[in-house]
Amino acid sequence: MTEIAPRSPEDKKSARRAADTYFVAWEKRTALVKNGLAEERAASDVKTIKLRALRLAKEAADREASRIAIKKRVLADEQKSARRGSK
């Protein structure tokens, strides 16, 4: 078996510095990805809210148009009935 020589304090410092550099870079990349995902989620939420508001407005306009169409139909039927009754 080969024996491993104990490391000098300088080797330990160098190894620690290299590891710290690696982990700091990893943490920065992780934070960047998390921030990007958060921005994407926020943009998606804004888009969803906007689309929901548009859908609700369209549904309200459709209900109003339907209500007006029914009212016109009822008035037309009443007018036809009134004309038939007066003849």
PDB file of N, CA and C in Angstrom:
ATOM      1  N   MET A   1       0.819  -1.178   0.000  1.00  0.00           N
ATOM      2  CA  MET A   1       0.000   0.000   0.000  1.00  0.00           C
ATOM      3  C   MET A   1       0.861   1.239   0.000  1.00  0.00           C
ATOM      4  N   THR A   2       0.331   2.235  -0.645  1.00  0.00           N
ATOM      5  CA  THR A   2       1.070   3.491  -0.635  1.00  0.00           C
ATOM      6  C   THR A   2       0.490   4.383   0.434  1.00  0.00           C
ATOM      7  N   GLU A   3       1.352   5.051   1.073  1.00  0.00           N
ATOM      8  CA  GLU A   3       0.894   5.972   2.114  1.00  0.00           C
ATOM      9  C   GLU A   3       0.758   7.359   1.531  1.00  0.00           C
ATOM     10  N   ILE A   4      -0.248   8.043   1.998  1.00  0.00           N
ATOM     11  CA  ILE A   4      -0.485   9.404   1.542  1.00  0.00           C
ATOM     12  C   ILE A   4       0.200  10.336   2.521  1.00  0.00           C
ATOM     13  N   ALA A   5       0.993  11.216   1.963  1.00  0.00           N
ATOM     14  CA  ALA A   5       1.713  12.158   2.812  1.00  0.00           C
ATOM     15  C   ALA A   5       0.735  13.204   3.316  1.00  0.00           C
ATOM     16  N   PRO A   6       0.875  13.621   4.550  1.00  0.00           N
ATOM     17  CA  PRO A   6      -0.012  14.657   5.065  1.00  0.00           C
ATOM     18  C   PRO A   6       0.170  15.952   4.274  1.00  0.00           C
ATOM     19  N   ARG A   7      -0.912  16.643   4.103  1.00  0.00           N
ATOM     20  CA  ARG A   7      -0.857  17.884   3.328  1.00  0.00           C
ATOM     21  C   ARG A   7      -0.336  19.030   4.175  1.00  0.00           C
ATOM     22  N   SER A   8       0.307  19.927   3.492  1.00  0.00           N
ATOM     23  CA  SER A   8       0.812  21.107   4.192  1.00  0.00           C
ATOM     24  C   SER A   8      -0.345  22.091   4.369  1.00  0.00           C
ATOM     25  N   PRO A   9      -0.216  23.006   5.292  1.00  0.00           N
ATOM     26  CA  PRO A   9      -1.283  23.994   5.495  1.00  0.00           C
ATOM     27  C   PRO A   9      -1.583  24.796   4.223  1.00  0.00           C
ATOM     28  N   GLU A  10      -0.564  25.063   3.418  1.00  0.00           N
ATOM     29  CA  GLU A  10      -0.780  25.805   2.175  1.00  0.00           C
ATOM     30  C   GLU A  10      -1.637  25.003   1.207  1.00  0.00           C
ATOM     31  N   ASP A  11      -1.405  23.678   1.136  1.00  0.00           N
ATOM     32  CA  ASP A  11      -2.215  22.834   0.266  1.00  0.00           C
ATOM     33  C   ASP A  11      -3.675  22.828   0.729  1.00  0.00           C
ATOM     34  N   LYS A  12      -3.857  22.808   2.036  1.00  0.00           N
ATOM     35  CA  LYS A  12      -5.220  22.817   2.572  1.00  0.00           C
ATOM     36  C   LYS A  12      -5.918  24.138   2.248  1.00  0.00           C
ATOM     37  N   LYS A  13      -5.182  25.243   2.389  1.00  0.00           N
ATOM     38  CA  LYS A  13      -5.760  26.550   2.088  1.00  0.00           C
ATOM     39  C   LYS A  13      -6.117  26.650   0.608  1.00  0.00           C
ATOM     40  N   SER A  14      -5.246  26.139  -0.218  1.00  0.00           N
ATOM     41  CA  SER A  14      -5.475  26.186  -1.659  1.00  0.00           C
ATOM     42  C   SER A  14      -6.697  25.336  -2.030  1.00  0.00           C
ATOM     43  N   ALA A  15      -6.803  24.159  -1.436  1.00  0.00           N
ATOM     44  CA  ALA A  15      -7.941  23.282  -1.713  1.00  0.00           C
ATOM     45  C   ALA A  15      -9.234  23.927  -1.227  1.00  0.00           C
ATOM     46  N   ARG A  16      -9.195  24.539  -0.052  1.00  0.00           N
ATOM     47  CA  ARG A  16     -10.382  25.194   0.486  1.00  0.00           C
ATOM     48  C   ARG A  16     -10.791  26.365  -0.410  1.00  0.00           C
ATOM     49  N   ARG A  17      -9.807  27.146  -0.865  1.00  0.00           N
ATOM     50  CA  ARG A  17     -10.100  28.287  -1.731  1.00  0.00           C
ATOM     51  C   ARG A  17     -10.739  27.812  -3.039  1.00  0.00           C
ATOM     52  N   ALA A  18     -10.227  26.726  -3.606  1.00  0.00           N
ATOM     53  CA  ALA A  18     -10.786  26.194  -4.850  1.00  0.00           C
ATOM     54  C   ALA A  18     -12.225  25.715  -4.627  1.00  0.00           C
ATOM     55  N   ALA A  19     -12.454  25.035  -3.514  1.00  0.00           N
ATOM     56  CA  ALA A  19     -13.800  24.545  -3.205  1.00  0.00           C
ATOM     57  C   ALA A  19     -14.746  25.716  -2.966  1.00  0.00           C
ATOM     58  N   ASP A  20     -14.290  26.720  -2.225  1.00  0.00           N
ATOM     59  CA  ASP A  20     -15.121  27.891  -1.964  1.00  0.00           C
ATOM     60  C   ASP A  20     -15.475  28.600  -3.268  1.00  0.00           C
ATOM     61  N   THR A  21     -14.505  28.719  -4.156  1.00  0.00           N
ATOM     62  CA  THR A  21     -14.752  29.352  -5.450  1.00  0.00           C
ATOM     63  C   THR A  21     -15.814  28.576  -6.217  1.00  0.00           C
ATOM     64  N   TYR A  22     -15.709  27.259  -6.217  1.00  0.00           N
ATOM     65  CA  TYR A  22     -16.678  26.413  -6.910  1.00  0.00           C
ATOM     66  C   TYR A  22     -18.071  26.589  -6.311  1.00  0.00           C
ATOM     67  N   PHE A  23     -18.189  26.548  -4.989  1.00  0.00           N
ATOM     68  CA  PHE A  23     -19.491  26.644  -4.347  1.00  0.00           C
ATOM     69  C   PHE A  23     -20.101  28.035  -4.479  1.00  0.00           C
ATOM     70  N   VAL A  24     -19.281  29.068  -4.445  1.00  0.00           N
ATOM     71  CA  VAL A  24     -19.790  30.423  -4.636  1.00  0.00           C
ATOM     72  C   VAL A  24     -20.365  30.560  -6.050  1.00  0.00           C
ATOM     73  N   ALA A  25     -19.646  30.039  -7.044  1.00  0.00           N
ATOM     74  CA  ALA A  25     -20.139  30.083  -8.418  1.00  0.00           C
ATOM     75  C   ALA A  25     -21.436  29.279  -8.536  1.00  0.00           C
ATOM     76  N   TRP A  26     -21.505  28.125  -7.890  1.00  0.00           N
ATOM     77  CA  TRP A  26     -22.712  27.290  -7.915  1.00  0.00           C
ATOM     78  C   TRP A  26     -23.891  28.041  -7.305  1.00  0.00           C
ATOM     79  N   GLU A  27     -23.646  28.701  -6.166  1.00  0.00           N
ATOM     80  CA  GLU A  27     -24.714  29.454  -5.501  1.00  0.00           C
ATOM     81  C   GLU A  27     -25.191  30.619  -6.374  1.00  0.00           C
ATOM     82  N   LYS A  28     -24.272  31.293  -7.061  1.00  0.00           N
ATOM     83  CA  LYS A  28     -24.661  32.390  -7.947  1.00  0.00           C
ATOM     84  C   LYS A  28     -25.519  31.876  -9.096  1.00  0.00           C
ATOM     85  N   ARG A  29     -25.119  30.747  -9.695  1.00  0.00           N
ATOM     86  CA  ARG A  29     -25.902  30.175 -10.789  1.00  0.00           C
ATOM     87  C   ARG A  29     -27.283  29.751 -10.297  1.00  0.00           C
ATOM     88  N   THR A  30     -27.327  29.152  -9.125  1.00  0.00           N
ATOM     89  CA  THR A  30     -28.604  28.716  -8.560  1.00  0.00           C
ATOM     90  C   THR A  30     -29.514  29.917  -8.305  1.00  0.00           C
ATOM     91  N   ALA A  31     -28.958  30.975  -7.742  1.00  0.00           N
ATOM     92  CA  ALA A  31     -29.743  32.178  -7.480  1.00  0.00           C
ATOM     93  C   ALA A  31     -30.234  32.785  -8.794  1.00  0.00           C
ATOM     94  N   LEU A  32     -29.393  32.786  -9.816  1.00  0.00           N
ATOM     95  CA  LEU A  32     -29.776  33.334 -11.112  1.00  0.00           C
ATOM     96  C   LEU A  32     -30.935  32.540 -11.714  1.00  0.00           C
ATOM     97  N   VAL A  33     -30.855  31.218 -11.625  1.00  0.00           N
ATOM     98  CA  VAL A  33     -31.931  30.367 -12.152  1.00  0.00           C
ATOM     99  C   VAL A  33     -33.219  30.595 -11.367  1.00  0.00           C
ATOM    100  N   LYS A  34     -33.127  30.664 -10.055  1.00  0.00           N
ATOM    101  CA  LYS A  34     -34.318  30.891  -9.227  1.00  0.00           C
ATOM    102  C   LYS A  34     -34.952  32.236  -9.545  1.00  0.00           C
ATOM    103  N   ASN A  35     -34.133  33.268  -9.727  1.00  0.00           N
ATOM    104  CA  ASN A  35     -34.667  34.584 -10.073  1.00  0.00           C
ATOM    105  C   ASN A  35     -35.338  34.550 -11.438  1.00  0.00           C
ATOM    106  N   GLY A  36     -34.734  33.848 -12.383  1.00  0.00           N
ATOM    107  CA  GLY A  36     -35.326  33.726 -13.712  1.00  0.00           C
ATOM    108  C   GLY A  36     -36.674  33.025 -13.657  1.00  0.00           C
ATOM    109  N   LEU A  37     -36.751  31.967 -12.878  1.00  0.00           N
ATOM    110  CA  LEU A  37     -38.021  31.246 -12.731  1.00  0.00           C
ATOM    111  C   LEU A  37     -39.077  32.115 -12.058  1.00  0.00           C
ATOM    112  N   ALA A  38     -38.670  32.873 -11.070  1.00  0.00           N
ATOM    113  CA  ALA A  38     -39.608  33.764 -10.383  1.00  0.00           C
ATOM    114  C   ALA A  38     -40.143  34.822 -11.345  1.00  0.00           C
ATOM    115  N   GLU A  39     -39.261  35.358 -12.193  1.00  0.00           N
ATOM    116  CA  GLU A  39     -39.701  36.352 -13.179  1.00  0.00           C
ATOM    117  C   GLU A  39     -40.669  35.731 -14.179  1.00  0.00           C
ATOM    118  N   GLU A  40     -40.377  34.518 -14.614  1.00  0.00           N
ATOM    119  CA  GLU A  40     -41.268  33.827 -15.552  1.00  0.00           C
ATOM    120  C   GLU A  40     -42.639  33.579 -14.921  1.00  0.00           C
ATOM    121  N   ARG A  41     -42.644  33.158 -13.651  1.00  0.00           N
ATOM    122  CA  ARG A  41     -43.910  32.928 -12.950  1.00  0.00           C
ATOM    123  C   ARG A  41     -44.697  34.225 -12.824  1.00  0.00           C
ATOM    124  N   ALA A  42     -44.004  35.314 -12.495  1.00  0.00           N
ATOM    125  CA  ALA A  42     -44.679  36.608 -12.359  1.00  0.00           C
ATOM    126  C   ALA A  42     -45.280  37.037 -13.699  1.00  0.00           C
ATOM    127  N   ALA A  43     -44.527  36.866 -14.774  1.00  0.00           N
ATOM    128  CA  ALA A  43     -45.035  37.232 -16.101  1.00  0.00           C
ATOM    129  C   ALA A  43     -46.231  36.363 -16.467  1.00  0.00           C
ATOM    130  N   SER A  44     -46.166  35.094 -16.131  1.00  0.00           N
ATOM    131  CA  SER A  44     -47.273  34.181 -16.411  1.00  0.00           C
ATOM    132  C   SER A  44     -48.508  34.568 -15.598  1.00  0.00           C
ATOM    133  N   ASP A  45     -48.301  34.955 -14.345  1.00  0.00           N
ATOM    134  CA  ASP A  45     -49.421  35.379 -13.499  1.00  0.00           C
ATOM    135  C   ASP A  45     -50.083  36.636 -14.053  1.00  0.00           C
ATOM    136  N   VAL A  46     -49.273  37.584 -14.515  1.00  0.00           N
ATOM    137  CA  VAL A  46     -49.824  38.813 -15.089  1.00  0.00           C
ATOM    138  C   VAL A  46     -50.635  38.473 -16.338  1.00  0.00           C
ATOM    139  N   LYS A  47     -50.094  37.594 -17.167  1.00  0.00           N
ATOM    140  CA  LYS A  47     -50.796  37.199 -18.390  1.00  0.00           C
ATOM    141  C   LYS A  47     -52.112  36.502 -18.049  1.00  0.00           C
ATOM    142  N   THR A  48     -52.091  35.636 -17.052  1.00  0.00           N
ATOM    143  CA  THR A  48     -53.302  34.929 -16.641  1.00  0.00           C
ATOM    144  C   THR A  48     -54.360  35.900 -16.137  1.00  0.00           C
ATOM    145  N   ILE A  49     -53.955  36.859 -15.337  1.00  0.00           N
ATOM    146  CA  ILE A  49     -54.892  37.851 -14.807  1.00  0.00           C
ATOM    147  C   ILE A  49     -55.493  38.665 -15.946  1.00  0.00           C
ATOM    148  N   LYS A  50     -54.660  39.060 -16.891  1.00  0.00           N
ATOM    149  CA  LYS A  50     -55.140  39.838 -18.033  1.00  0.00           C
ATOM    150  C   LYS A  50     -56.141  39.032 -18.862  1.00  0.00           C
ATOM    151  N   LEU A  51     -55.805  37.772 -19.145  1.00  0.00           N
ATOM    152  CA  LEU A  51     -56.704  36.931 -19.930  1.00  0.00           C
ATOM    153  C   LEU A  51     -58.011  36.659 -19.194  1.00  0.00           C
ATOM    154  N   ARG A  52     -57.939  36.474 -17.890  1.00  0.00           N
ATOM    155  CA  ARG A  52     -59.155  36.257 -17.097  1.00  0.00           C
ATOM    156  C   ARG A  52     -60.054  37.489 -17.151  1.00  0.00           C
ATOM    157  N   ALA A  53     -59.452  38.677 -17.036  1.00  0.00           N
ATOM    158  CA  ALA A  53     -60.242  39.909 -17.100  1.00  0.00           C
ATOM    159  C   ALA A  53     -60.897  40.052 -18.473  1.00  0.00           C
ATOM    160  N   LEU A  54     -60.159  39.730 -19.528  1.00  0.00           N
ATOM    161  CA  LEU A  54     -60.743  39.798 -20.867  1.00  0.00           C
ATOM    162  C   LEU A  54     -61.890  38.806 -21.030  1.00  0.00           C
ATOM    163  N   ARG A  55     -61.707  37.597 -20.505  1.00  0.00           N
ATOM    164  CA  ARG A  55     -62.758  36.583 -20.603  1.00  0.00           C
ATOM    165  C   ARG A  55     -64.005  37.018 -19.849  1.00  0.00           C
ATOM    166  N   LEU A  56     -63.823  37.538 -18.645  1.00  0.00           N
ATOM    167  CA  LEU A  56     -64.970  37.991 -17.853  1.00  0.00           C
ATOM    168  C   LEU A  56     -65.692  39.144 -18.535  1.00  0.00           C
ATOM    169  N   ALA A  57     -64.935  40.054 -19.143  1.00  0.00           N
ATOM    170  CA  ALA A  57     -65.559  41.164 -19.862  1.00  0.00           C
ATOM    171  C   ALA A  57     -66.350  40.650 -21.062  1.00  0.00           C
ATOM    172  N   LYS A  58     -65.795  39.680 -21.776  1.00  0.00           N
ATOM    173  CA  LYS A  58     -66.490  39.108 -22.933  1.00  0.00           C
ATOM    174  C   LYS A  58     -67.759  38.388 -22.492  1.00  0.00           C
ATOM    175  N   GLU A  59     -67.678  37.634 -21.412  1.00  0.00           N
ATOM    176  CA  GLU A  59     -68.855  36.939 -20.909  1.00  0.00           C
ATOM    177  C   GLU A  59     -69.944  37.937 -20.506  1.00  0.00           C
ATOM    178  N   ALA A  60     -69.550  39.034 -19.885  1.00  0.00           N
ATOM    179  CA  ALA A  60     -70.525  40.058 -19.492  1.00  0.00           C
ATOM    180  C   ALA A  60     -71.160  40.686 -20.729  1.00  0.00           C
ATOM    181  N   ALA A  61     -70.346  40.970 -21.738  1.00  0.00           N
ATOM    182  CA  ALA A  61     -70.882  41.553 -22.979  1.00  0.00           C
ATOM    183  C   ALA A  61     -71.813  40.559 -23.673  1.00  0.00           C
ATOM    184  N   ASP A  62     -71.457  39.271 -23.671  1.00  0.00           N
ATOM    185  CA  ASP A  62     -72.315  38.252 -24.277  1.00  0.00           C
ATOM    186  C   ASP A  62     -73.652  38.138 -23.538  1.00  0.00           C
ATOM    187  N   ARG A  63     -73.612  38.200 -22.211  1.00  0.00           N
ATOM    188  CA  ARG A  63     -74.850  38.151 -21.428  1.00  0.00           C
ATOM    189  C   ARG A  63     -75.733  39.347 -21.744  1.00  0.00           C
ATOM    190  N   GLU A  64     -75.121  40.515 -21.839  1.00  0.00           N
ATOM    191  CA  GLU A  64     -75.879  41.726 -22.145  1.00  0.00           C
ATOM    192  C   GLU A  64     -76.482  41.639 -23.544  1.00  0.00           C
ATOM    193  N   ALA A  65     -75.714  41.165 -24.522  1.00  0.00           N
ATOM    194  CA  ALA A  65     -76.221  41.029 -25.882  1.00  0.00           C
ATOM    195  C   ALA A  65     -77.366  40.020 -25.928  1.00  0.00           C
ATOM    196  N   SER A  66     -77.236  38.946 -25.171  1.00  0.00           N
ATOM    197  CA  SER A  66     -78.294  37.938 -25.107  1.00  0.00           C
ATOM    198  C   SER A  66     -79.552  38.518 -24.472  1.00  0.00           C
ATOM    199  N   ARG A  67     -79.379  39.282 -23.423  1.00  0.00           N
ATOM    200  CA  ARG A  67     -80.515  39.904 -22.742  1.00  0.00           C
ATOM    201  C   ARG A  67     -81.242  40.854 -23.689  1.00  0.00           C
ATOM    202  N   ILE A  68     -80.493  41.639 -24.441  1.00  0.00           N
ATOM    203  CA  ILE A  68     -81.095  42.588 -25.386  1.00  0.00           C
ATOM    204  C   ILE A  68     -81.812  41.834 -26.500  1.00  0.00           C
ATOM    205  N   ALA A  69     -81.195  40.753 -27.004  1.00  0.00           N
ATOM    206  CA  ALA A  69     -81.822  39.974 -28.074  1.00  0.00           C
ATOM    207  C   ALA A  69     -83.136  39.357 -27.602  1.00  0.00           C
ATOM    208  N   ILE A  70     -83.152  38.848 -26.384  1.00  0.00           N
ATOM    209  CA  ILE A  70     -84.382  38.258 -25.837  1.00  0.00           C
ATOM    210  C   ILE A  70     -85.449  39.336 -25.680  1.00  0.00           C
ATOM    211  N   LYS A  71     -85.056  40.503 -25.191  1.00  0.00           N
ATOM    212  CA  LYS A  71     -86.008  41.605 -25.004  1.00  0.00           C
ATOM    213  C   LYS A  71     -86.606  42.029 -26.348  1.00  0.00           C
ATOM    214  N   LYS A  72     -85.758  42.120 -27.385  1.00  0.00           N
ATOM    215  CA  LYS A  72     -86.255  42.496 -28.711  1.00  0.00           C
ATOM    216  C   LYS A  72     -87.213  41.441 -29.252  1.00  0.00           C
ATOM    217  N   ARG A  73     -86.878  40.161 -29.029  1.00  0.00           N
ATOM    218  CA  ARG A  73     -87.733  39.078 -29.506  1.00  0.00           C
ATOM    219  C   ARG A  73     -89.093  39.118 -28.816  1.00  0.00           C
ATOM    220  N   VAL A  74     -89.089  39.352 -27.507  1.00  0.00           N
ATOM    221  CA  VAL A  74     -90.339  39.430 -26.755  1.00  0.00           C
ATOM    222  C   VAL A  74     -91.171  40.604 -27.247  1.00  0.00           C
ATOM    223  N   LEU A  75     -90.541  41.753 -27.471  1.00  0.00           N
ATOM    224  CA  LEU A  75     -91.280  42.921 -27.967  1.00  0.00           C
ATOM    225  C   LEU A  75     -91.839  42.658 -29.363  1.00  0.00           C
ATOM    226  N   ALA A  76     -91.084  41.997 -30.222  1.00  0.00           N
ATOM    227  CA  ALA A  76     -91.564  41.688 -31.570  1.00  0.00           C
ATOM    228  C   ALA A  76     -92.755  40.731 -31.493  1.00  0.00           C
ATOM    229  N   ASP A  77     -92.679  39.741 -30.620  1.00  0.00           N
ATOM    230  CA  ASP A  77     -93.796  38.800 -30.453  1.00  0.00           C
ATOM    231  C   ASP A  77     -95.035  39.522 -29.923  1.00  0.00           C
ATOM    232  N   GLU A  78     -94.848  40.441 -28.993  1.00  0.00           N
ATOM    233  CA  GLU A  78     -95.982  41.193 -28.456  1.00  0.00           C
ATOM    234  C   GLU A  78     -96.617  42.059 -29.548  1.00  0.00           C
ATOM    235  N   GLN A  79     -95.783  42.661 -30.383  1.00  0.00           N
ATOM    236  CA  GLN A  79     -96.303  43.502 -31.466  1.00  0.00           C
ATOM    237  C   GLN A  79     -97.090  42.645 -32.481  1.00  0.00           C
ATOM    238  N   LYS A  80     -96.571  41.447 -32.796  1.00  0.00           N
ATOM    239  CA  LYS A  80     -97.278  40.547 -33.704  1.00  0.00           C
ATOM    240  C   LYS A  80     -98.620  40.140 -33.099  1.00  0.00           C
ATOM    241  N   SER A  81     -98.610  39.827 -31.827  1.00  0.00           N
ATOM    242  CA  SER A  81     -99.850  39.448 -31.138  1.00  0.00           C
ATOM    243  C   SER A  81    -100.847  40.593 -31.134  1.00  0.00           C
ATOM    244  N   ALA A  82    -100.346  41.798 -30.935  1.00  0.00           N
ATOM    245  CA  ALA A  82    -101.222  42.977 -30.895  1.00  0.00           C
ATOM    246  C   ALA A  82    -101.821  43.215 -32.280  1.00  0.00           C
ATOM    247  N   ARG A  83    -101.020  43.044 -33.333  1.00  0.00           N
ATOM    248  CA  ARG A  83    -101.544  43.239 -34.698  1.00  0.00           C
ATOM    249  C   ARG A  83    -102.563  42.183 -35.045  1.00  0.00           C
ATOM    250  N   ARG A  84    -102.341  40.976 -34.657  1.00  0.00           N
ATOM    251  CA  ARG A  84    -103.278  39.880 -34.947  1.00  0.00           C
ATOM    252  C   ARG A  84    -104.591  40.090 -34.185  1.00  0.00           C
ATOM    253  N   GLY A  85    -104.487  40.569 -32.976  1.00  0.00           N
ATOM    254  CA  GLY A  85    -105.670  40.771 -32.158  1.00  0.00           C
ATOM    255  C   GLY A  85    -106.522  41.919 -32.641  1.00  0.00           C
ATOM    256  N   SER A  86    -105.943  42.905 -33.287  1.00  0.00           N
ATOM    257  CA  SER A  86    -106.712  44.069 -33.721  1.00  0.00           C
ATOM    258  C   SER A  86    -107.383  43.836 -35.071  1.00  0.00           C
ATOM    259  N   LYS A  87    -107.027  42.809 -35.805  1.00  0.00           N
ATOM    260  CA  LYS A  87    -107.621  42.542 -37.116  1.00  0.00           C
ATOM    261  C   LYS A  87    -108.937  41.904 -37.013  1.00  0.00           C
TER     262      LYS A  87
END
